[in-house]
Amino acid sequence: MSLTSISKLKSGHDMITALQLDAFKEIVNIGVGRAAATLNDMLDSPILL
């Protein structure tokens, strides 16, 4: 998401629905989890979130 897109969301233009926001948060959570798992494998050390 570009800075322009973020500023549009904050200014009230092109509002997203609660369901879309929830889906976006879930996608971010999945991505963070996968990144932590990969980092764990690379470093052979537990990663706490």
N, C-alpha and C. Protein backbone atom coordinates (compact mmCIF):
# COMPACT_ATOMS: atom_id res chain seq x y z
N MET A 1 0.85 -1.17 0.00
CA MET A 1 0.00 0.00 0.00
C MET A 1 0.89 1.23 0.00
N SER A 2 0.65 2.13 -0.90
CA SER A 2 1.49 3.32 -1.01
C SER A 2 1.08 4.37 0.02
N LEU A 3 1.93 5.35 0.24
CA LEU A 3 1.62 6.43 1.17
C LEU A 3 0.39 7.20 0.72
N THR A 4 0.22 7.33 -0.59
CA THR A 4 -0.96 8.02 -1.11
C THR A 4 -2.23 7.27 -0.73
N SER A 5 -2.20 5.95 -0.84
CA SER A 5 -3.36 5.14 -0.47
C SER A 5 -3.67 5.29 1.01
N ILE A 6 -2.63 5.27 1.83
CA ILE A 6 -2.83 5.40 3.27
C ILE A 6 -3.41 6.76 3.60
N SER A 7 -2.91 7.81 2.98
CA SER A 7 -3.43 9.14 3.28
C SER A 7 -4.88 9.27 2.82
N LYS A 8 -5.25 8.60 1.72
CA LYS A 8 -6.64 8.62 1.29
C LYS A 8 -7.54 7.96 2.33
N LEU A 9 -7.08 6.85 2.90
CA LEU A 9 -7.87 6.17 3.92
C LEU A 9 -8.05 7.06 5.15
N LYS A 10 -6.98 7.75 5.53
CA LYS A 10 -7.04 8.59 6.72
C LYS A 10 -7.91 9.82 6.49
N SER A 11 -7.94 10.33 5.27
CA SER A 11 -8.70 11.55 5.01
C SER A 11 -10.16 11.28 4.73
N GLY A 12 -10.56 10.00 4.69
CA GLY A 12 -11.97 9.69 4.51
C GLY A 12 -12.37 9.38 3.09
N HIS A 13 -11.47 9.45 2.16
CA HIS A 13 -11.77 9.13 0.77
C HIS A 13 -11.56 7.64 0.56
N ASP A 14 -12.37 7.07 -0.30
CA ASP A 14 -12.24 5.65 -0.64
C ASP A 14 -12.20 4.79 0.63
N MET A 15 -13.17 4.98 1.51
CA MET A 15 -13.21 4.25 2.77
C MET A 15 -13.35 2.75 2.52
N ILE A 16 -12.74 1.97 3.37
CA ILE A 16 -12.86 0.53 3.27
C ILE A 16 -13.86 0.06 4.32
N THR A 17 -14.44 -1.10 4.08
CA THR A 17 -15.42 -1.63 5.02
C THR A 17 -14.72 -2.29 6.20
N ALA A 18 -15.47 -2.53 7.25
CA ALA A 18 -14.93 -3.21 8.42
C ALA A 18 -14.46 -4.61 8.04
N LEU A 19 -15.18 -5.28 7.16
CA LEU A 19 -14.79 -6.61 6.72
C LEU A 19 -13.47 -6.57 5.95
N GLN A 20 -13.30 -5.57 5.09
CA GLN A 20 -12.04 -5.44 4.34
C GLN A 20 -10.89 -5.14 5.28
N LEU A 21 -11.10 -4.31 6.28
CA LEU A 21 -10.06 -3.99 7.24
C LEU A 21 -9.69 -5.23 8.04
N ASP A 22 -10.69 -6.00 8.45
CA ASP A 22 -10.43 -7.23 9.19
C ASP A 22 -9.62 -8.22 8.34
N ALA A 23 -9.98 -8.33 7.07
CA ALA A 23 -9.25 -9.24 6.16
C ALA A 23 -7.81 -8.76 5.99
N PHE A 24 -7.62 -7.46 5.85
CA PHE A 24 -6.27 -6.91 5.70
C PHE A 24 -5.43 -7.20 6.94
N LYS A 25 -6.00 -7.01 8.12
CA LYS A 25 -5.28 -7.29 9.37
C LYS A 25 -4.90 -8.76 9.45
N GLU A 26 -5.79 -9.64 9.04
CA GLU A 26 -5.50 -11.07 9.07
C GLU A 26 -4.36 -11.42 8.12
N ILE A 27 -4.36 -10.82 6.93
CA ILE A 27 -3.29 -11.06 5.96
C ILE A 27 -1.95 -10.58 6.52
N VAL A 28 -1.95 -9.43 7.18
CA VAL A 28 -0.73 -8.92 7.79
C VAL A 28 -0.25 -9.87 8.89
N ASN A 29 -1.18 -10.34 9.72
CA ASN A 29 -0.81 -11.27 10.79
C ASN A 29 -0.20 -12.55 10.23
N ILE A 30 -0.77 -13.07 9.17
CA ILE A 30 -0.23 -14.27 8.55
C ILE A 30 1.17 -14.00 8.02
N GLY A 31 1.36 -12.86 7.37
CA GLY A 31 2.66 -12.49 6.83
C GLY A 31 3.72 -12.35 7.91
N VAL A 32 3.35 -11.71 9.01
CA VAL A 32 4.30 -11.54 10.12
C VAL A 32 4.66 -12.89 10.71
N GLY A 33 3.68 -13.76 10.86
CA GLY A 33 3.96 -15.09 11.38
C GLY A 33 4.89 -15.88 10.49
N ARG A 34 4.66 -15.80 9.20
CA ARG A 34 5.52 -16.51 8.25
C ARG A 34 6.93 -15.93 8.26
N ALA A 35 7.03 -14.62 8.36
CA ALA A 35 8.35 -13.98 8.41
C ALA A 35 9.09 -14.41 9.67
N ALA A 36 8.40 -14.45 10.80
CA ALA A 36 9.03 -14.87 12.05
C ALA A 36 9.48 -16.33 11.95
N ALA A 37 8.66 -17.18 11.34
CA ALA A 37 9.03 -18.59 11.19
C ALA A 37 10.26 -18.74 10.31
N THR A 38 10.32 -17.96 9.25
CA THR A 38 11.48 -18.02 8.35
C THR A 38 12.73 -17.52 9.07
N LEU A 39 12.60 -16.43 9.80
CA LEU A 39 13.74 -15.90 10.55
C LEU A 39 14.21 -16.91 11.60
N ASN A 40 13.26 -17.57 12.22
CA ASN A 40 13.58 -18.62 13.19
C ASN A 40 14.41 -19.72 12.53
N ASP A 41 14.01 -20.14 11.33
CA ASP A 41 14.74 -21.16 10.61
C ASP A 41 16.15 -20.68 10.22
N MET A 42 16.24 -19.44 9.78
CA MET A 42 17.52 -18.90 9.35
C MET A 42 18.50 -18.76 10.51
N LEU A 43 18.01 -18.32 11.66
CA LEU A 43 18.88 -18.06 12.80
C LEU A 43 18.96 -19.24 13.75
N ASP A 44 18.11 -20.22 13.54
CA ASP A 44 18.01 -21.36 14.44
C ASP A 44 17.85 -20.88 15.88
N SER A 45 16.95 -19.92 16.03
CA SER A 45 16.71 -19.32 17.34
C SER A 45 15.23 -18.91 17.40
N PRO A 46 14.59 -19.09 18.55
CA PRO A 46 13.18 -18.72 18.65
C PRO A 46 12.97 -17.22 18.44
N ILE A 47 11.89 -16.88 17.78
CA ILE A 47 11.51 -15.48 17.55
C ILE A 47 10.21 -15.25 18.30
N LEU A 48 10.22 -14.32 19.24
CA LEU A 48 9.03 -14.00 20.00
C LEU A 48 8.32 -12.83 19.37
N LEU A 49 7.02 -12.97 19.23
CA LEU A 49 6.22 -11.86 18.67
C LEU A 49 5.43 -11.20 19.78
